[in-house]
Amino acid sequence: MERKYLYDIRRPADPVRLFSFDRSIRRAQADKEPEAPAQEMPDLEALKESARAEGFEAGRQAGFQAGLEQGRDTAERLATLLEALGRERAEWIRRWQQEMLQFCFGVAERIVLREIRLDPLARLKVIEAGLAKLKESERVDVRVSPSEFDALREALPGLCERLGAQGQVRVLEDANLLPGDVLFETDTCEVDARIRTALEAIEEALRAP
């Protein structure tokens, strides 16, 4: 039998390496550097509006606080001023009332004195009123101004008789008295019937609160 020998001139084949496509993709992805996420461009108009709004709000709050403090200070100064004005007004009214009272009583005094000078009976009415209250006294001295002494001394007897005076009644002149003034003196009391005294009593009553 014929034997044959075949010789393969090819080099022994290298070990077969299997290629995995999936594994290559994963390796490529792992080797690839990570990319930074994409950044959106800021909205400049929105930023401006936000800054404007924040600035406005901050200014409004600061202005509001400053306005409150200024208003509080103004209110306190106004209250102090009104209080001072009230006191000044009350004092002015008081002084005005005092001056008006003094003026009115000064005028009244002059009017009364003029009426007494013009009407002799006015003096007798004052004396008659005083004697009517003192007619039961044992002694009554009637002091008048020197200018009225003679006239009242002549009128005194008829006046005492009409009033029914029981005690001794005398008319005395007093240089310290003005026309129209009368002072009554008894053993127990003194009655001041001077015009000025009567007006001062009325003035004091009007000034009383």
C-alpha atoms as a PDB file:
ATOM      1  CA  MET A   1       0.000   0.000   0.000  1.00  0.00           C
ATOM      2  CA  GLU A   2       1.302   3.474  -0.900  1.00  0.00           C
ATOM      3  CA  ARG A   3       1.729   5.852   1.893  1.00  0.00           C
ATOM      4  CA  LYS A   4       1.571   9.639   1.400  1.00  0.00           C
ATOM      5  CA  TYR A   5       2.966  12.383   3.557  1.00  0.00           C
ATOM      6  CA  LEU A   6       1.539  15.878   3.373  1.00  0.00           C
ATOM      7  CA  TYR A   7       3.494  18.820   4.685  1.00  0.00           C
ATOM      8  CA  ASP A   8       1.683  22.059   5.529  1.00  0.00           C
ATOM      9  CA  ILE A   9       3.970  24.911   4.876  1.00  0.00           C
ATOM     10  CA  ARG A  10       1.743  27.335   6.928  1.00  0.00           C
ATOM     11  CA  ARG A  11       2.941  28.436  10.292  1.00  0.00           C
ATOM     12  CA  PRO A  12       1.135  27.120  13.168  1.00  0.00           C
ATOM     13  CA  ALA A  13      -1.831  29.277  13.738  1.00  0.00           C
ATOM     14  CA  ASP A  14      -1.860  31.638  16.696  1.00  0.00           C
ATOM     15  CA  PRO A  15      -4.359  30.971  19.351  1.00  0.00           C
ATOM     16  CA  VAL A  16      -7.692  32.264  18.292  1.00  0.00           C
ATOM     17  CA  ARG A  17      -8.792  35.391  20.079  1.00  0.00           C
ATOM     18  CA  LEU A  18     -12.462  35.991  20.264  1.00  0.00           C
ATOM     19  CA  PHE A  19     -13.566  39.633  19.767  1.00  0.00           C
ATOM     20  CA  SER A  20     -16.439  40.872  21.850  1.00  0.00           C
ATOM     21  CA  PHE A  21     -18.120  43.988  20.422  1.00  0.00           C
ATOM     22  CA  ASP A  22     -20.074  44.710  23.568  1.00  0.00           C
ATOM     23  CA  ARG A  23     -16.995  44.548  25.701  1.00  0.00           C
ATOM     24  CA  SER A  24     -15.182  46.954  23.419  1.00  0.00           C
ATOM     25  CA  ILE A  25     -17.981  49.481  23.695  1.00  0.00           C
ATOM     26  CA  ARG A  26     -17.970  49.313  27.456  1.00  0.00           C
ATOM     27  CA  ARG A  27     -14.211  49.751  27.546  1.00  0.00           C
ATOM     28  CA  ALA A  28     -14.413  52.724  25.234  1.00  0.00           C
ATOM     29  CA  GLN A  29     -17.074  54.323  27.366  1.00  0.00           C
ATOM     30  CA  ALA A  30     -15.034  53.731  30.536  1.00  0.00           C
ATOM     31  CA  ASP A  31     -11.926  55.211  28.988  1.00  0.00           C
ATOM     32  CA  LYS A  32     -13.789  58.249  27.754  1.00  0.00           C
ATOM     33  CA  GLU A  33     -13.578  61.292  30.150  1.00  0.00           C
ATOM     34  CA  PRO A  34     -16.889  62.398  31.632  1.00  0.00           C
ATOM     35  CA  GLU A  35     -18.291  65.518  30.085  1.00  0.00           C
ATOM     36  CA  ALA A  36     -19.454  68.444  32.225  1.00  0.00           C
ATOM     37  CA  PRO A  37     -23.188  68.944  32.170  1.00  0.00           C
ATOM     38  CA  ALA A  38     -24.289  71.665  29.845  1.00  0.00           C
ATOM     39  CA  GLN A  39     -24.981  75.016  31.591  1.00  0.00           C
ATOM     40  CA  GLU A  40     -27.820  77.232  30.578  1.00  0.00           C
ATOM     41  CA  MET A  41     -27.117  80.908  29.951  1.00  0.00           C
ATOM     42  CA  PRO A  42     -28.519  83.097  32.802  1.00  0.00           C
ATOM     43  CA  ASP A  43     -31.498  85.333  32.062  1.00  0.00           C
ATOM     44  CA  LEU A  44     -29.989  88.781  32.504  1.00  0.00           C
ATOM     45  CA  GLU A  45     -33.319  90.569  32.420  1.00  0.00           C
ATOM     46  CA  ALA A  46     -34.701  88.294  35.122  1.00  0.00           C
ATOM     47  CA  LEU A  47     -31.602  88.902  37.262  1.00  0.00           C
ATOM     48  CA  LYS A  48     -31.944  92.653  36.804  1.00  0.00           C
ATOM     49  CA  GLU A  49     -35.631  92.563  37.721  1.00  0.00           C
ATOM     50  CA  SER A  50     -34.933  90.417  40.796  1.00  0.00           C
ATOM     51  CA  ALA A  51     -32.150  92.741  41.930  1.00  0.00           C
ATOM     52  CA  ARG A  52     -34.347  95.746  41.301  1.00  0.00           C
ATOM     53  CA  ALA A  53     -37.202  94.185  43.307  1.00  0.00           C
ATOM     54  CA  GLU A  54     -34.890  93.263  46.193  1.00  0.00           C
ATOM     55  CA  GLY A  55     -33.394  96.750  46.224  1.00  0.00           C
ATOM     56  CA  PHE A  56     -36.807  98.351  46.136  1.00  0.00           C
ATOM     57  CA  GLU A  57     -38.075  96.179  49.004  1.00  0.00           C
ATOM     58  CA  ALA A  58     -34.973  96.891  51.094  1.00  0.00           C
ATOM     59  CA  GLY A  59     -35.334 100.601  50.420  1.00  0.00           C
ATOM     60  CA  ARG A  60     -39.025 100.488  51.211  1.00  0.00           C
ATOM     61  CA  GLN A  61     -38.414  98.758  54.536  1.00  0.00           C
ATOM     62  CA  ALA A  62     -35.618 101.189  55.440  1.00  0.00           C
ATOM     63  CA  GLY A  63     -37.751 104.143  54.401  1.00  0.00           C
ATOM     64  CA  PHE A  64     -40.722 102.793  56.325  1.00  0.00           C
ATOM     65  CA  GLN A  65     -38.683 102.428  59.522  1.00  0.00           C
ATOM     66  CA  ALA A  66     -37.141 105.858  59.048  1.00  0.00           C
ATOM     67  CA  GLY A  67     -40.590 107.296  58.413  1.00  0.00           C
ATOM     68  CA  LEU A  68     -41.946 105.679  61.564  1.00  0.00           C
ATOM     69  CA  GLU A  69     -39.132 107.095  63.683  1.00  0.00           C
ATOM     70  CA  GLN A  70     -39.458 110.523  62.114  1.00  0.00           C
ATOM     71  CA  GLY A  71     -43.224 110.446  62.532  1.00  0.00           C
ATOM     72  CA  ARG A  72     -42.870 109.402  66.183  1.00  0.00           C
ATOM     73  CA  ASP A  73     -40.418 112.227  66.850  1.00  0.00           C
ATOM     74  CA  THR A  74     -42.687 114.701  65.069  1.00  0.00           C
ATOM     75  CA  ALA A  75     -45.714 113.515  67.044  1.00  0.00           C
ATOM     76  CA  GLU A  76     -43.829 113.883  70.335  1.00  0.00           C
ATOM     77  CA  ARG A  77     -42.674 117.396  69.436  1.00  0.00           C
ATOM     78  CA  LEU A  78     -46.192 118.296  68.328  1.00  0.00           C
ATOM     79  CA  ALA A  79     -47.677 116.971  71.577  1.00  0.00           C
ATOM     80  CA  THR A  80     -45.145 118.975  73.590  1.00  0.00           C
ATOM     81  CA  LEU A  81     -45.893 122.073  71.543  1.00  0.00           C
ATOM     82  CA  LEU A  82     -49.654 121.633  71.945  1.00  0.00           C
ATOM     83  CA  GLU A  83     -49.248 121.161  75.692  1.00  0.00           C
ATOM     84  CA  ALA A  84     -47.154 124.324  75.917  1.00  0.00           C
ATOM     85  CA  LEU A  85     -49.669 126.201  73.788  1.00  0.00           C
ATOM     86  CA  GLY A  86     -52.480 124.968  76.023  1.00  0.00           C
ATOM     87  CA  ARG A  87     -50.714 126.224  79.121  1.00  0.00           C
ATOM     88  CA  GLU A  88     -49.901 129.516  77.444  1.00  0.00           C
ATOM     89  CA  ARG A  89     -53.503 129.887  76.302  1.00  0.00           C
ATOM     90  CA  ALA A  90     -54.827 129.153  79.795  1.00  0.00           C
ATOM     91  CA  GLU A  91     -52.398 131.653  81.305  1.00  0.00           C
ATOM     92  CA  TRP A  92     -53.321 134.257  78.692  1.00  0.00           C
ATOM     93  CA  ILE A  93     -57.033 133.758  79.407  1.00  0.00           C
ATOM     94  CA  ARG A  94     -56.403 134.045  83.137  1.00  0.00           C
ATOM     95  CA  ARG A  95     -54.439 137.282  82.716  1.00  0.00           C
ATOM     96  CA  TRP A  96     -57.037 138.638  80.325  1.00  0.00           C
ATOM     97  CA  GLN A  97     -59.826 137.844  82.786  1.00  0.00           C
ATOM     98  CA  GLN A  98     -57.904 139.495  85.600  1.00  0.00           C
ATOM     99  CA  GLU A  99     -57.273 142.596  83.518  1.00  0.00           C
ATOM    100  CA  MET A 100     -60.885 142.733  82.382  1.00  0.00           C
ATOM    101  CA  LEU A 101     -62.129 142.378  85.949  1.00  0.00           C
ATOM    102  CA  GLN A 102     -59.847 145.140  87.132  1.00  0.00           C
ATOM    103  CA  PHE A 103     -60.923 147.350  84.263  1.00  0.00           C
ATOM    104  CA  CYS A 104     -64.620 146.667  84.826  1.00  0.00           C
ATOM    105  CA  PHE A 105     -64.434 147.297  88.554  1.00  0.00           C
ATOM    106  CA  GLY A 106     -62.424 150.427  87.992  1.00  0.00           C
ATOM    107  CA  VAL A 107     -65.146 151.681  85.687  1.00  0.00           C
ATOM    108  CA  ALA A 108     -67.842 150.576  88.131  1.00  0.00           C
ATOM    109  CA  GLU A 109     -66.135 152.402  90.975  1.00  0.00           C
ATOM    110  CA  ARG A 110     -65.957 155.622  88.985  1.00  0.00           C
ATOM    111  CA  ILE A 111     -69.591 155.288  87.983  1.00  0.00           C
ATOM    112  CA  VAL A 112     -70.721 154.712  91.558  1.00  0.00           C
ATOM    113  CA  LEU A 113     -68.695 157.653  92.854  1.00  0.00           C
ATOM    114  CA  ARG A 114     -70.127 159.881  90.158  1.00  0.00           C
ATOM    115  CA  GLU A 115     -73.670 158.800  90.975  1.00  0.00           C
ATOM    116  CA  ILE A 116     -73.101 159.498  94.659  1.00  0.00           C
ATOM    117  CA  ARG A 117     -71.793 162.967  93.906  1.00  0.00           C
ATOM    118  CA  LEU A 118     -74.737 163.681  91.630  1.00  0.00           C
ATOM    119  CA  ASP A 119     -77.376 162.107  93.870  1.00  0.00           C
ATOM    120  CA  PRO A 120     -77.194 162.986  97.590  1.00  0.00           C
ATOM    121  CA  LEU A 121     -79.921 160.447  98.317  1.00  0.00           C
ATOM    122  CA  ALA A 122     -77.585 157.636  97.236  1.00  0.00           C
ATOM    123  CA  ARG A 123     -75.368 158.303 100.256  1.00  0.00           C
ATOM    124  CA  LEU A 124     -78.379 158.279 102.547  1.00  0.00           C
ATOM    125  CA  LYS A 125     -79.492 154.913 101.137  1.00  0.00           C
ATOM    126  CA  VAL A 126     -76.157 153.364 102.139  1.00  0.00           C
ATOM    127  CA  ILE A 127     -76.406 154.789 105.665  1.00  0.00           C
ATOM    128  CA  GLU A 128     -80.034 153.799 105.955  1.00  0.00           C
ATOM    129  CA  ALA A 129     -79.238 150.188 105.020  1.00  0.00           C
ATOM    130  CA  GLY A 130     -76.460 150.029 107.623  1.00  0.00           C
ATOM    131  CA  LEU A 131     -78.504 151.586 110.416  1.00  0.00           C
ATOM    132  CA  ALA A 132     -81.406 149.274 109.681  1.00  0.00           C
ATOM    133  CA  LYS A 133     -79.197 146.324 110.642  1.00  0.00           C
ATOM    134  CA  LEU A 134     -77.581 148.040 113.630  1.00  0.00           C
ATOM    135  CA  LYS A 135     -80.551 149.976 115.043  1.00  0.00           C
ATOM    136  CA  GLU A 136     -80.714 147.865 118.214  1.00  0.00           C
ATOM    137  CA  SER A 137     -77.107 148.605 119.125  1.00  0.00           C
ATOM    138  CA  GLU A 138     -76.529 150.934 122.080  1.00  0.00           C
ATOM    139  CA  ARG A 139     -73.977 152.955 120.152  1.00  0.00           C
ATOM    140  CA  VAL A 140     -73.475 153.449 116.398  1.00  0.00           C
ATOM    141  CA  ASP A 141     -70.772 155.719 114.962  1.00  0.00           C
ATOM    142  CA  VAL A 142     -71.148 156.536 111.276  1.00  0.00           C
ATOM    143  CA  ARG A 143     -67.840 157.602 109.723  1.00  0.00           C
ATOM    144  CA  VAL A 144     -67.992 159.490 106.405  1.00  0.00           C
ATOM    145  CA  SER A 145     -65.694 161.616 104.255  1.00  0.00           C
ATOM    146  CA  PRO A 146     -65.250 165.287 105.277  1.00  0.00           C
ATOM    147  CA  SER A 147     -67.046 166.456 102.120  1.00  0.00           C
ATOM    148  CA  GLU A 148     -70.225 164.611 103.160  1.00  0.00           C
ATOM    149  CA  PHE A 149     -70.154 165.281 106.894  1.00  0.00           C
ATOM    150  CA  ASP A 150     -72.366 168.382 107.048  1.00  0.00           C
ATOM    151  CA  ALA A 151     -75.091 167.007 104.765  1.00  0.00           C
ATOM    152  CA  LEU A 152     -75.344 163.672 106.593  1.00  0.00           C
ATOM    153  CA  ARG A 153     -75.316 165.277 110.037  1.00  0.00           C
ATOM    154  CA  GLU A 154     -78.390 167.292 109.094  1.00  0.00           C
ATOM    155  CA  ALA A 155     -80.193 164.248 107.644  1.00  0.00           C
ATOM    156  CA  LEU A 156     -79.350 161.896 110.512  1.00  0.00           C
ATOM    157  CA  PRO A 157     -82.141 162.832 113.042  1.00  0.00           C
ATOM    158  CA  GLY A 158     -84.947 162.204 110.559  1.00  0.00           C
ATOM    159  CA  LEU A 159     -83.282 158.990 109.395  1.00  0.00           C
ATOM    160  CA  CYS A 160     -82.946 157.624 112.931  1.00  0.00           C
ATOM    161  CA  GLU A 161     -86.544 158.499 113.745  1.00  0.00           C
ATOM    162  CA  ARG A 162     -87.790 156.759 110.612  1.00  0.00           C
ATOM    163  CA  LEU A 163     -85.778 153.608 111.342  1.00  0.00           C
ATOM    164  CA  GLY A 164     -86.555 153.559 115.024  1.00  0.00           C
ATOM    165  CA  ALA A 165     -82.949 153.500 116.146  1.00  0.00           C
ATOM    166  CA  GLN A 166     -82.816 152.842 119.902  1.00  0.00           C
ATOM    167  CA  GLY A 167     -79.218 153.712 120.788  1.00  0.00           C
ATOM    168  CA  GLN A 168     -76.927 156.680 120.328  1.00  0.00           C
ATOM    169  CA  VAL A 169     -76.093 157.443 116.672  1.00  0.00           C
ATOM    170  CA  ARG A 170     -73.291 159.847 115.743  1.00  0.00           C
ATOM    171  CA  VAL A 171     -71.865 161.044 112.446  1.00  0.00           C
ATOM    172  CA  LEU A 172     -68.052 161.406 112.412  1.00  0.00           C
ATOM    173  CA  GLU A 173     -65.837 162.694 109.632  1.00  0.00           C
ATOM    174  CA  ASP A 174     -62.864 160.587 108.560  1.00  0.00           C
ATOM    175  CA  ALA A 175     -60.168 162.025 106.297  1.00  0.00           C
ATOM    176  CA  ASN A 176     -59.165 158.533 105.147  1.00  0.00           C
ATOM    177  CA  LEU A 177     -62.526 157.933 103.486  1.00  0.00           C
ATOM    178  CA  LEU A 178     -63.525 158.880  99.949  1.00  0.00           C
ATOM    179  CA  PRO A 179     -66.892 160.396  99.017  1.00  0.00           C
ATOM    180  CA  GLY A 180     -69.475 157.628  99.179  1.00  0.00           C
ATOM    181  CA  ASP A 181     -67.498 155.564 101.722  1.00  0.00           C
ATOM    182  CA  VAL A 182     -69.134 154.724 105.055  1.00  0.00           C
ATOM    183  CA  LEU A 183     -67.845 152.866 108.090  1.00  0.00           C
ATOM    184  CA  PHE A 184     -70.194 151.731 110.884  1.00  0.00           C
ATOM    185  CA  GLU A 185     -68.758 151.070 114.332  1.00  0.00           C
ATOM    186  CA  THR A 186     -70.541 149.663 117.364  1.00  0.00           C
ATOM    187  CA  ASP A 187     -69.458 148.289 120.716  1.00  0.00           C
ATOM    188  CA  THR A 188     -69.384 144.788 119.269  1.00  0.00           C
ATOM    189  CA  CYS A 189     -68.651 145.021 115.534  1.00  0.00           C
ATOM    190  CA  GLU A 190     -67.539 147.108 112.562  1.00  0.00           C
ATOM    191  CA  VAL A 191     -69.245 147.212 109.162  1.00  0.00           C
ATOM    192  CA  ASP A 192     -67.156 148.285 106.169  1.00  0.00           C
ATOM    193  CA  ALA A 193     -69.472 149.895 103.627  1.00  0.00           C
ATOM    194  CA  ARG A 194     -66.765 151.483 101.506  1.00  0.00           C
ATOM    195  CA  ILE A 195     -67.350 151.330  97.779  1.00  0.00           C
ATOM    196  CA  ARG A 196     -63.968 149.763  97.067  1.00  0.00           C
ATOM    197  CA  THR A 197     -64.503 147.064  99.674  1.00  0.00           C
ATOM    198  CA  ALA A 198     -67.841 146.105  98.128  1.00  0.00           C
ATOM    199  CA  LEU A 199     -66.336 145.951  94.633  1.00  0.00           C
ATOM    200  CA  GLU A 200     -63.390 143.843  95.834  1.00  0.00           C
ATOM    201  CA  ALA A 201     -65.786 141.364  97.438  1.00  0.00           C
ATOM    202  CA  ILE A 202     -67.686 141.043  94.159  1.00  0.00           C
ATOM    203  CA  GLU A 203     -64.427 140.727  92.219  1.00  0.00           C
ATOM    204  CA  GLU A 204     -63.159 137.979  94.520  1.00  0.00           C
ATOM    205  CA  ALA A 205     -66.405 136.061  94.145  1.00  0.00           C
ATOM    206  CA  LEU A 206     -66.167 136.259  90.356  1.00  0.00           C
ATOM    207  CA  ARG A 207     -62.564 135.089  90.348  1.00  0.00           C
ATOM    208  CA  ALA A 208     -63.329 132.063  92.462  1.00  0.00           C
ATOM    209  CA  PRO A 209     -63.342 128.787  90.449  1.00  0.00           C
END
